[in-house]
Amino acid sequence: MIPITLYLMSFKPGFGYEIISKQKTCEIRRCFSKLKPGDLVYVYVSSPVKSIIGYYIVDKAYCIDSFNKLEKLVKELNCIFTQRNWNYVVGKYCSSNRILLIKIRDTCRFEEEIGFDELKTINRFFQPPQSYFSLDKYPEIKEYLSRFKCID
């Protein structure tokens, strides 16, 4: 069995909460590192929140080379997006040729959010990602995050 990778992904506040509350069932990014089924992605919500609010599990991930193929796959997978989020996707990725579509399987909202300042006390060099990265470069944060419980 291939071990899962733990990632940290940044979101604008509205979009991060949409994922955790299951109003959004897929995520779209530029494809520069393909995630695998079972990978765990921590959701970091950017300013003004600046906190990790929970995580999601990757069901499947697809690297796509055109927006037309993305639209077709979004329909095939029955991805759910709010209209505001889909408008953002269209504006950002309509001319892209390396698009990552992540189908989300499970989500967890933490009982308490983990703030940026708290993360900086664990590793003073911590910086949230522009998009996403593996937490392998922050092993102490990776270990710390494993202690947090989900709201039932």
C-alpha atoms as a PDB file:
ATOM      1  CA  MET A   1       0.000   0.000   0.000  1.00  0.00           C
ATOM      2  CA  ILE A   2       1.298   3.456  -0.918  1.00  0.00           C
ATOM      3  CA  PRO A   3       1.498   5.695   2.163  1.00  0.00           C
ATOM      4  CA  ILE A   4      -0.704   8.771   2.124  1.00  0.00           C
ATOM      5  CA  THR A   5       0.810  12.204   1.861  1.00  0.00           C
ATOM      6  CA  LEU A   6      -0.347  15.071   4.067  1.00  0.00           C
ATOM      7  CA  TYR A   7      -0.781  18.418   2.325  1.00  0.00           C
ATOM      8  CA  LEU A   8      -1.622  21.942   3.379  1.00  0.00           C
ATOM      9  CA  MET A   9      -3.774  23.902   0.918  1.00  0.00           C
ATOM     10  CA  SER A  10      -4.675  27.596   1.155  1.00  0.00           C
ATOM     11  CA  PHE A  11      -8.185  28.883   0.483  1.00  0.00           C
ATOM     12  CA  LYS A  12      -9.949  32.211   0.481  1.00  0.00           C
ATOM     13  CA  PRO A  13     -12.246  32.160   3.536  1.00  0.00           C
ATOM     14  CA  GLY A  14     -15.535  31.521   1.718  1.00  0.00           C
ATOM     15  CA  PHE A  15     -14.138  28.687  -0.395  1.00  0.00           C
ATOM     16  CA  GLY A  16     -12.445  26.880   2.517  1.00  0.00           C
ATOM     17  CA  TYR A  17     -15.622  26.843   4.582  1.00  0.00           C
ATOM     18  CA  GLU A  18     -17.608  25.639   1.528  1.00  0.00           C
ATOM     19  CA  ILE A  19     -15.400  22.539   1.354  1.00  0.00           C
ATOM     20  CA  ILE A  20     -15.592  21.738   5.060  1.00  0.00           C
ATOM     21  CA  SER A  21     -19.386  22.210   5.077  1.00  0.00           C
ATOM     22  CA  LYS A  22     -19.733  20.005   1.940  1.00  0.00           C
ATOM     23  CA  GLN A  23     -21.238  22.791  -0.194  1.00  0.00           C
ATOM     24  CA  LYS A  24     -18.379  22.052  -2.579  1.00  0.00           C
ATOM     25  CA  THR A  25     -17.363  18.486  -3.528  1.00  0.00           C
ATOM     26  CA  CYS A  26     -14.405  19.169  -5.826  1.00  0.00           C
ATOM     27  CA  GLU A  27     -11.432  21.512  -5.778  1.00  0.00           C
ATOM     28  CA  ILE A  28      -9.614  22.916  -8.809  1.00  0.00           C
ATOM     29  CA  ARG A  29      -5.990  24.090  -8.860  1.00  0.00           C
ATOM     30  CA  ARG A  30      -3.082  24.405 -11.249  1.00  0.00           C
ATOM     31  CA  CYS A  31      -1.542  20.975 -11.672  1.00  0.00           C
ATOM     32  CA  PHE A  32       2.048  20.957 -10.481  1.00  0.00           C
ATOM     33  CA  SER A  33       1.899  17.973  -8.133  1.00  0.00           C
ATOM     34  CA  LYS A  34      -0.749  15.305  -8.517  1.00  0.00           C
ATOM     35  CA  LEU A  35      -2.407  14.196  -5.339  1.00  0.00           C
ATOM     36  CA  LYS A  36      -3.333  10.534  -4.841  1.00  0.00           C
ATOM     37  CA  PRO A  37      -6.524   8.884  -3.588  1.00  0.00           C
ATOM     38  CA  GLY A  38      -6.408   8.757   0.203  1.00  0.00           C
ATOM     39  CA  ASP A  39      -4.117  11.771   0.595  1.00  0.00           C
ATOM     40  CA  LEU A  40      -5.163  14.093   3.410  1.00  0.00           C
ATOM     41  CA  VAL A  41      -5.363  17.829   2.698  1.00  0.00           C
ATOM     42  CA  TYR A  42      -5.493  20.293   5.594  1.00  0.00           C
ATOM     43  CA  VAL A  43      -7.584  23.371   4.809  1.00  0.00           C
ATOM     44  CA  TYR A  44      -5.809  26.648   5.619  1.00  0.00           C
ATOM     45  CA  VAL A  45      -8.109  29.658   5.359  1.00  0.00           C
ATOM     46  CA  SER A  46      -6.239  32.846   4.456  1.00  0.00           C
ATOM     47  CA  SER A  47      -6.592  36.378   5.806  1.00  0.00           C
ATOM     48  CA  PRO A  48      -8.412  37.605   7.766  1.00  0.00           C
ATOM     49  CA  VAL A  49      -9.013  34.142   9.348  1.00  0.00           C
ATOM     50  CA  LYS A  50      -5.450  32.748   8.979  1.00  0.00           C
ATOM     51  CA  SER A  51      -6.240  29.311  10.470  1.00  0.00           C
ATOM     52  CA  ILE A  52      -6.375  25.620   9.652  1.00  0.00           C
ATOM     53  CA  ILE A  53     -10.058  24.740  10.019  1.00  0.00           C
ATOM     54  CA  GLY A  54     -10.031  21.011   9.189  1.00  0.00           C
ATOM     55  CA  TYR A  55      -9.148  18.656   6.387  1.00  0.00           C
ATOM     56  CA  TYR A  56     -10.491  16.601   3.519  1.00  0.00           C
ATOM     57  CA  ILE A  57      -9.552  13.244   2.012  1.00  0.00           C
ATOM     58  CA  VAL A  58      -8.810  12.987  -1.708  1.00  0.00           C
ATOM     59  CA  ASP A  59     -11.149  10.568  -3.477  1.00  0.00           C
ATOM     60  CA  LYS A  60      -9.522  10.995  -6.901  1.00  0.00           C
ATOM     61  CA  ALA A  61      -7.289  13.559  -8.585  1.00  0.00           C
ATOM     62  CA  TYR A  62      -7.058  14.315 -12.290  1.00  0.00           C
ATOM     63  CA  CYS A  63      -4.498  16.374 -14.218  1.00  0.00           C
ATOM     64  CA  ILE A  64      -6.366  17.869 -17.188  1.00  0.00           C
ATOM     65  CA  ASP A  65      -4.968  19.703 -20.207  1.00  0.00           C
ATOM     66  CA  SER A  66      -7.923  21.900 -21.219  1.00  0.00           C
ATOM     67  CA  PHE A  67     -10.851  23.767 -19.715  1.00  0.00           C
ATOM     68  CA  ASN A  68     -13.299  21.929 -22.026  1.00  0.00           C
ATOM     69  CA  LYS A  69     -12.128  18.595 -20.593  1.00  0.00           C
ATOM     70  CA  LEU A  70     -12.438  20.028 -17.097  1.00  0.00           C
ATOM     71  CA  GLU A  71     -16.063  21.071 -17.688  1.00  0.00           C
ATOM     72  CA  LYS A  72     -16.890  17.594 -19.013  1.00  0.00           C
ATOM     73  CA  LEU A  73     -15.247  15.852 -16.048  1.00  0.00           C
ATOM     74  CA  VAL A  74     -16.953  18.176 -13.546  1.00  0.00           C
ATOM     75  CA  LYS A  75     -20.309  17.051 -15.005  1.00  0.00           C
ATOM     76  CA  GLU A  76     -19.335  13.341 -15.078  1.00  0.00           C
ATOM     77  CA  LEU A  77     -18.260  13.428 -11.422  1.00  0.00           C
ATOM     78  CA  ASN A  78     -21.339  15.430 -10.349  1.00  0.00           C
ATOM     79  CA  CYS A  79     -19.112  18.024  -8.703  1.00  0.00           C
ATOM     80  CA  ILE A  80     -20.961  20.570  -6.615  1.00  0.00           C
ATOM     81  CA  PHE A  81     -19.828  24.212  -6.660  1.00  0.00           C
ATOM     82  CA  THR A  82     -21.555  27.380  -5.555  1.00  0.00           C
ATOM     83  CA  GLN A  83     -22.154  29.780  -8.450  1.00  0.00           C
ATOM     84  CA  ARG A  84     -19.659  32.225  -6.933  1.00  0.00           C
ATOM     85  CA  ASN A  85     -16.995  29.511  -6.823  1.00  0.00           C
ATOM     86  CA  TRP A  86     -17.675  28.304 -10.369  1.00  0.00           C
ATOM     87  CA  ASN A  87     -17.413  31.898 -11.649  1.00  0.00           C
ATOM     88  CA  TYR A  88     -13.988  32.095  -9.967  1.00  0.00           C
ATOM     89  CA  VAL A  89     -12.914  28.797 -11.598  1.00  0.00           C
ATOM     90  CA  VAL A  90     -13.997  29.967 -15.063  1.00  0.00           C
ATOM     91  CA  GLY A  91     -12.147  33.260 -14.683  1.00  0.00           C
ATOM     92  CA  LYS A  92      -8.966  31.676 -13.387  1.00  0.00           C
ATOM     93  CA  TYR A  93      -8.653  28.467 -15.434  1.00  0.00           C
ATOM     94  CA  CYS A  94     -10.470  29.035 -18.761  1.00  0.00           C
ATOM     95  CA  SER A  95      -7.168  29.328 -20.680  1.00  0.00           C
ATOM     96  CA  SER A  96      -5.079  26.949 -18.548  1.00  0.00           C
ATOM     97  CA  ASN A  97      -3.602  23.721 -19.912  1.00  0.00           C
ATOM     98  CA  ARG A  98      -2.528  22.142 -16.589  1.00  0.00           C
ATOM     99  CA  ILE A  99      -5.550  21.880 -14.333  1.00  0.00           C
ATOM    100  CA  LEU A 100      -5.853  19.678 -11.247  1.00  0.00           C
ATOM    101  CA  LEU A 101      -9.363  18.487 -10.365  1.00  0.00           C
ATOM    102  CA  ILE A 102      -9.662  16.940  -6.911  1.00  0.00           C
ATOM    103  CA  LYS A 103     -12.777  14.947  -6.041  1.00  0.00           C
ATOM    104  CA  ILE A 104     -13.301  15.204  -2.280  1.00  0.00           C
ATOM    105  CA  ARG A 105     -14.315  12.084  -0.351  1.00  0.00           C
ATOM    106  CA  ASP A 106     -14.585  12.966   3.346  1.00  0.00           C
ATOM    107  CA  THR A 107     -14.253  16.187   5.300  1.00  0.00           C
ATOM    108  CA  CYS A 108     -13.512  17.045   8.924  1.00  0.00           C
ATOM    109  CA  ARG A 109     -14.048  20.356  10.682  1.00  0.00           C
ATOM    110  CA  PHE A 110     -11.813  20.743  13.710  1.00  0.00           C
ATOM    111  CA  GLU A 111     -13.365  21.411  17.110  1.00  0.00           C
ATOM    112  CA  GLU A 112     -11.017  24.388  17.321  1.00  0.00           C
ATOM    113  CA  GLU A 113      -9.232  26.220  14.531  1.00  0.00           C
ATOM    114  CA  ILE A 114      -5.427  26.321  14.540  1.00  0.00           C
ATOM    115  CA  GLY A 115      -4.245  29.881  14.033  1.00  0.00           C
ATOM    116  CA  PHE A 116      -1.219  31.102  12.109  1.00  0.00           C
ATOM    117  CA  ASP A 117       0.440  32.423  15.293  1.00  0.00           C
ATOM    118  CA  GLU A 118       0.042  29.021  16.937  1.00  0.00           C
ATOM    119  CA  LEU A 119       1.664  27.344  13.914  1.00  0.00           C
ATOM    120  CA  LYS A 120       4.554  29.853  14.075  1.00  0.00           C
ATOM    121  CA  THR A 121       5.247  28.832  17.695  1.00  0.00           C
ATOM    122  CA  ILE A 122       5.690  25.237  16.522  1.00  0.00           C
ATOM    123  CA  ASN A 123       7.976  26.212  13.631  1.00  0.00           C
ATOM    124  CA  ARG A 124       9.093  29.837  13.429  1.00  0.00           C
ATOM    125  CA  PHE A 125       9.830  29.406   9.715  1.00  0.00           C
ATOM    126  CA  PHE A 126       6.299  28.284   8.866  1.00  0.00           C
ATOM    127  CA  GLN A 127       4.631  30.077   5.965  1.00  0.00           C
ATOM    128  CA  PRO A 128       1.279  28.996   4.503  1.00  0.00           C
ATOM    129  CA  PRO A 129       1.368  27.874   0.874  1.00  0.00           C
ATOM    130  CA  GLN A 130       0.466  30.060  -2.088  1.00  0.00           C
ATOM    131  CA  SER A 131      -1.554  27.075  -3.324  1.00  0.00           C
ATOM    132  CA  TYR A 132      -0.565  23.792  -1.650  1.00  0.00           C
ATOM    133  CA  PHE A 133       2.457  21.798  -0.509  1.00  0.00           C
ATOM    134  CA  SER A 134       3.351  18.554   1.233  1.00  0.00           C
ATOM    135  CA  LEU A 135       3.757  18.889   4.992  1.00  0.00           C
ATOM    136  CA  ASP A 136       6.897  16.720   4.816  1.00  0.00           C
ATOM    137  CA  LYS A 137       8.945  19.918   5.088  1.00  0.00           C
ATOM    138  CA  TYR A 138       7.261  20.722   8.434  1.00  0.00           C
ATOM    139  CA  PRO A 139       7.338  17.396  10.372  1.00  0.00           C
ATOM    140  CA  GLU A 140       6.640  19.042  13.751  1.00  0.00           C
ATOM    141  CA  ILE A 141       3.513  20.746  12.369  1.00  0.00           C
ATOM    142  CA  LYS A 142       2.449  17.492  10.727  1.00  0.00           C
ATOM    143  CA  GLU A 143       2.701  15.733  14.095  1.00  0.00           C
ATOM    144  CA  TYR A 144       0.928  18.586  15.928  1.00  0.00           C
ATOM    145  CA  LEU A 145      -2.038  18.567  13.528  1.00  0.00           C
ATOM    146  CA  SER A 146      -2.625  14.850  14.148  1.00  0.00           C
ATOM    147  CA  ARG A 147      -3.789  15.708  17.702  1.00  0.00           C
ATOM    148  CA  PHE A 148      -6.852  17.706  16.652  1.00  0.00           C
ATOM    149  CA  LYS A 149     -10.325  16.179  16.770  1.00  0.00           C
ATOM    150  CA  CYS A 150     -13.196  16.565  14.335  1.00  0.00           C
ATOM    151  CA  ILE A 151     -16.635  17.865  15.218  1.00  0.00           C
ATOM    152  CA  ASP A 152     -19.104  14.973  14.875  1.00  0.00           C
END
